[in-house]
Amino acid sequence: MDHRIRGVPFGSRSPQYGVLFACRFTLDPLSRERMQDELLRQAGGAFIVVTHSVEEALVLGDRILLMASDRSMRTITPRLSGVGGGRRRDPAFYTRLATLSDDLRAAAM
């Protein structure tokens, strides 16, 4: 797969980590979940995902850097059980999703 997003090859890798920018097109929920699980399966190491989706960050991230429009930043460690889409089955997943979304909305005001 050789999709280019803003001039960066999809899944490009430096010697230390891979970088993936959020896709600019919308996938249906099932396709999005499959893509996320496939990304985790193929990654084989550390990677950085740049996304506007709090849900995607919770599914893919072990550490999340939450950035607000005022350039303030906060690092979050989700501490959810499971991997990838399996994290959605953690009882705390949707509570964390709501909390992070509320934090972003508050920072935007």
C-alpha atoms as a PDB file:
ATOM      1  CA  MET A   1       0.000   0.000   0.000  1.00  0.00           C
ATOM      2  CA  ASP A   2       1.590   3.281  -1.054  1.00  0.00           C
ATOM      3  CA  HIS A   3      -0.881   6.001  -0.121  1.00  0.00           C
ATOM      4  CA  ARG A   4       0.645   9.417   0.363  1.00  0.00           C
ATOM      5  CA  ILE A   5      -0.826  11.846   2.844  1.00  0.00           C
ATOM      6  CA  ARG A   6       0.745  15.300   2.895  1.00  0.00           C
ATOM      7  CA  GLY A   7       3.825  13.920   1.171  1.00  0.00           C
ATOM      8  CA  VAL A   8       4.484  11.289   3.836  1.00  0.00           C
ATOM      9  CA  PRO A   9       4.193   7.669   2.689  1.00  0.00           C
ATOM     10  CA  PHE A  10       1.509   5.737   4.593  1.00  0.00           C
ATOM     11  CA  GLY A  11       3.267   3.823   7.327  1.00  0.00           C
ATOM     12  CA  SER A  12       6.631   5.502   6.719  1.00  0.00           C
ATOM     13  CA  ARG A  13       9.265   4.402   9.188  1.00  0.00           C
ATOM     14  CA  SER A  14      12.297   6.067  10.667  1.00  0.00           C
ATOM     15  CA  PRO A  15      14.923   3.823  12.262  1.00  0.00           C
ATOM     16  CA  GLN A  16      13.118   4.272  15.611  1.00  0.00           C
ATOM     17  CA  TYR A  17       9.387   4.578  14.904  1.00  0.00           C
ATOM     18  CA  GLY A  18       6.710   4.772  12.237  1.00  0.00           C
ATOM     19  CA  VAL A  19       4.513   7.809  11.560  1.00  0.00           C
ATOM     20  CA  LEU A  20       0.930   7.715  10.311  1.00  0.00           C
ATOM     21  CA  PHE A  21      -1.175  10.805   9.721  1.00  0.00           C
ATOM     22  CA  ALA A  22      -4.929  10.439  10.127  1.00  0.00           C
ATOM     23  CA  CYS A  23      -6.648   9.677   6.858  1.00  0.00           C
ATOM     24  CA  ARG A  24      -8.530  12.522   5.235  1.00  0.00           C
ATOM     25  CA  PHE A  25     -11.380  10.259   4.180  1.00  0.00           C
ATOM     26  CA  THR A  26     -14.083   8.636   6.237  1.00  0.00           C
ATOM     27  CA  LEU A  27     -14.268   4.886   6.655  1.00  0.00           C
ATOM     28  CA  ASP A  28     -17.328   3.055   7.841  1.00  0.00           C
ATOM     29  CA  PRO A  29     -16.944   1.941  11.486  1.00  0.00           C
ATOM     30  CA  LEU A  30     -16.203  -1.717  10.703  1.00  0.00           C
ATOM     31  CA  SER A  31     -13.550  -0.862   8.094  1.00  0.00           C
ATOM     32  CA  ARG A  32     -11.970   1.656  10.484  1.00  0.00           C
ATOM     33  CA  GLU A  33     -11.747  -0.964  13.247  1.00  0.00           C
ATOM     34  CA  ARG A  34     -10.218  -3.493  10.840  1.00  0.00           C
ATOM     35  CA  MET A  35      -7.664  -0.919   9.650  1.00  0.00           C
ATOM     36  CA  GLN A  36      -6.709  -0.064  13.245  1.00  0.00           C
ATOM     37  CA  ASP A  37      -6.279  -3.733  14.188  1.00  0.00           C
ATOM     38  CA  GLU A  38      -4.223  -4.355  11.026  1.00  0.00           C
ATOM     39  CA  LEU A  39      -2.016  -1.372  11.806  1.00  0.00           C
ATOM     40  CA  LEU A  40      -1.305  -2.753  15.272  1.00  0.00           C
ATOM     41  CA  ARG A  41      -0.672  -6.227  13.861  1.00  0.00           C
ATOM     42  CA  GLN A  42       1.829  -4.993  11.269  1.00  0.00           C
ATOM     43  CA  ALA A  43       3.515  -2.253  13.302  1.00  0.00           C
ATOM     44  CA  GLY A  44       5.979  -4.492  15.106  1.00  0.00           C
ATOM     45  CA  GLY A  45       7.272  -1.570  17.170  1.00  0.00           C
ATOM     46  CA  ALA A  46       6.630   1.997  18.171  1.00  0.00           C
ATOM     47  CA  PHE A  47       4.697   4.337  15.905  1.00  0.00           C
ATOM     48  CA  ILE A  48       3.106   7.773  16.086  1.00  0.00           C
ATOM     49  CA  VAL A  49      -0.451   8.396  14.895  1.00  0.00           C
ATOM     50  CA  VAL A  50      -1.596  11.960  14.303  1.00  0.00           C
ATOM     51  CA  THR A  51      -5.389  12.005  14.622  1.00  0.00           C
ATOM     52  CA  HIS A  52      -8.315  14.202  15.582  1.00  0.00           C
ATOM     53  CA  SER A  53     -10.247  11.189  16.851  1.00  0.00           C
ATOM     54  CA  VAL A  54     -10.144  10.682  20.612  1.00  0.00           C
ATOM     55  CA  GLU A  55     -11.595   7.199  20.124  1.00  0.00           C
ATOM     56  CA  GLU A  56      -8.841   6.261  17.667  1.00  0.00           C
ATOM     57  CA  ALA A  57      -6.209   7.549  20.085  1.00  0.00           C
ATOM     58  CA  LEU A  58      -7.641   5.378  22.889  1.00  0.00           C
ATOM     59  CA  VAL A  59      -7.747   2.298  20.655  1.00  0.00           C
ATOM     60  CA  LEU A  60      -4.221   2.682  19.264  1.00  0.00           C
ATOM     61  CA  GLY A  61      -2.294   4.540  21.939  1.00  0.00           C
ATOM     62  CA  ASP A  62      -0.353   3.412  24.972  1.00  0.00           C
ATOM     63  CA  ARG A  63       0.449   7.082  25.532  1.00  0.00           C
ATOM     64  CA  ILE A  64      -1.617   9.957  24.181  1.00  0.00           C
ATOM     65  CA  LEU A  65      -0.446  13.525  23.815  1.00  0.00           C
ATOM     66  CA  LEU A  66      -3.580  15.655  24.051  1.00  0.00           C
ATOM     67  CA  MET A  67      -3.066  19.019  22.370  1.00  0.00           C
ATOM     68  CA  ALA A  68      -5.461  21.942  22.644  1.00  0.00           C
ATOM     69  CA  SER A  69      -5.832  24.988  20.405  1.00  0.00           C
ATOM     70  CA  ASP A  70      -3.981  27.134  22.952  1.00  0.00           C
ATOM     71  CA  ARG A  71      -0.997  24.765  22.477  1.00  0.00           C
ATOM     72  CA  SER A  72      -1.285  23.352  25.948  1.00  0.00           C
ATOM     73  CA  MET A  73      -0.408  19.689  26.130  1.00  0.00           C
ATOM     74  CA  ARG A  74      -1.121  16.822  28.457  1.00  0.00           C
ATOM     75  CA  THR A  75       0.102  13.240  28.319  1.00  0.00           C
ATOM     76  CA  ILE A  76      -2.442  10.532  29.087  1.00  0.00           C
ATOM     77  CA  THR A  77      -1.797   6.845  29.703  1.00  0.00           C
ATOM     78  CA  PRO A  78      -5.124   5.093  29.006  1.00  0.00           C
ATOM     79  CA  ARG A  79      -4.413   1.936  31.072  1.00  0.00           C
ATOM     80  CA  LEU A  80      -7.084  -0.045  29.257  1.00  0.00           C
ATOM     81  CA  SER A  81      -7.102  -3.824  28.970  1.00  0.00           C
ATOM     82  CA  GLY A  82      -6.911  -5.458  25.573  1.00  0.00           C
ATOM     83  CA  VAL A  83      -5.220  -4.444  22.350  1.00  0.00           C
ATOM     84  CA  GLY A  84      -6.661  -2.409  19.499  1.00  0.00           C
ATOM     85  CA  GLY A  85     -10.389  -2.889  19.055  1.00  0.00           C
ATOM     86  CA  GLY A  86     -10.390  -5.178  22.091  1.00  0.00           C
ATOM     87  CA  ARG A  87      -9.959  -2.081  24.232  1.00  0.00           C
ATOM     88  CA  ARG A  88     -13.538  -1.089  23.421  1.00  0.00           C
ATOM     89  CA  ARG A  89     -14.637  -4.036  25.580  1.00  0.00           C
ATOM     90  CA  ASP A  90     -12.857  -2.622  28.657  1.00  0.00           C
ATOM     91  CA  PRO A  91     -15.596  -1.307  31.015  1.00  0.00           C
ATOM     92  CA  ALA A  92     -13.674   1.971  31.429  1.00  0.00           C
ATOM     93  CA  PHE A  93     -13.252   2.668  27.676  1.00  0.00           C
ATOM     94  CA  TYR A  94     -16.334   4.826  27.082  1.00  0.00           C
ATOM     95  CA  THR A  95     -15.940   6.658  30.387  1.00  0.00           C
ATOM     96  CA  ARG A  96     -12.372   7.612  29.400  1.00  0.00           C
ATOM     97  CA  LEU A  97     -13.570   8.574  25.929  1.00  0.00           C
ATOM     98  CA  ALA A  98     -16.212  10.916  27.395  1.00  0.00           C
ATOM     99  CA  THR A  99     -13.739  12.427  29.881  1.00  0.00           C
ATOM    100  CA  LEU A 100     -11.094  13.131  27.237  1.00  0.00           C
ATOM    101  CA  SER A 101     -13.697  14.581  24.863  1.00  0.00           C
ATOM    102  CA  ASP A 102     -14.975  16.864  27.647  1.00  0.00           C
ATOM    103  CA  ASP A 103     -11.389  17.939  28.424  1.00  0.00           C
ATOM    104  CA  LEU A 104     -10.829  18.862  24.764  1.00  0.00           C
ATOM    105  CA  ARG A 105     -14.073  20.839  24.599  1.00  0.00           C
ATOM    106  CA  ALA A 106     -13.156  22.728  27.780  1.00  0.00           C
ATOM    107  CA  ALA A 107      -9.679  23.529  26.453  1.00  0.00           C
ATOM    108  CA  ALA A 108     -11.158  24.856  23.213  1.00  0.00           C
ATOM    109  CA  MET A 109     -13.267  27.470  25.020  1.00  0.00           C
END
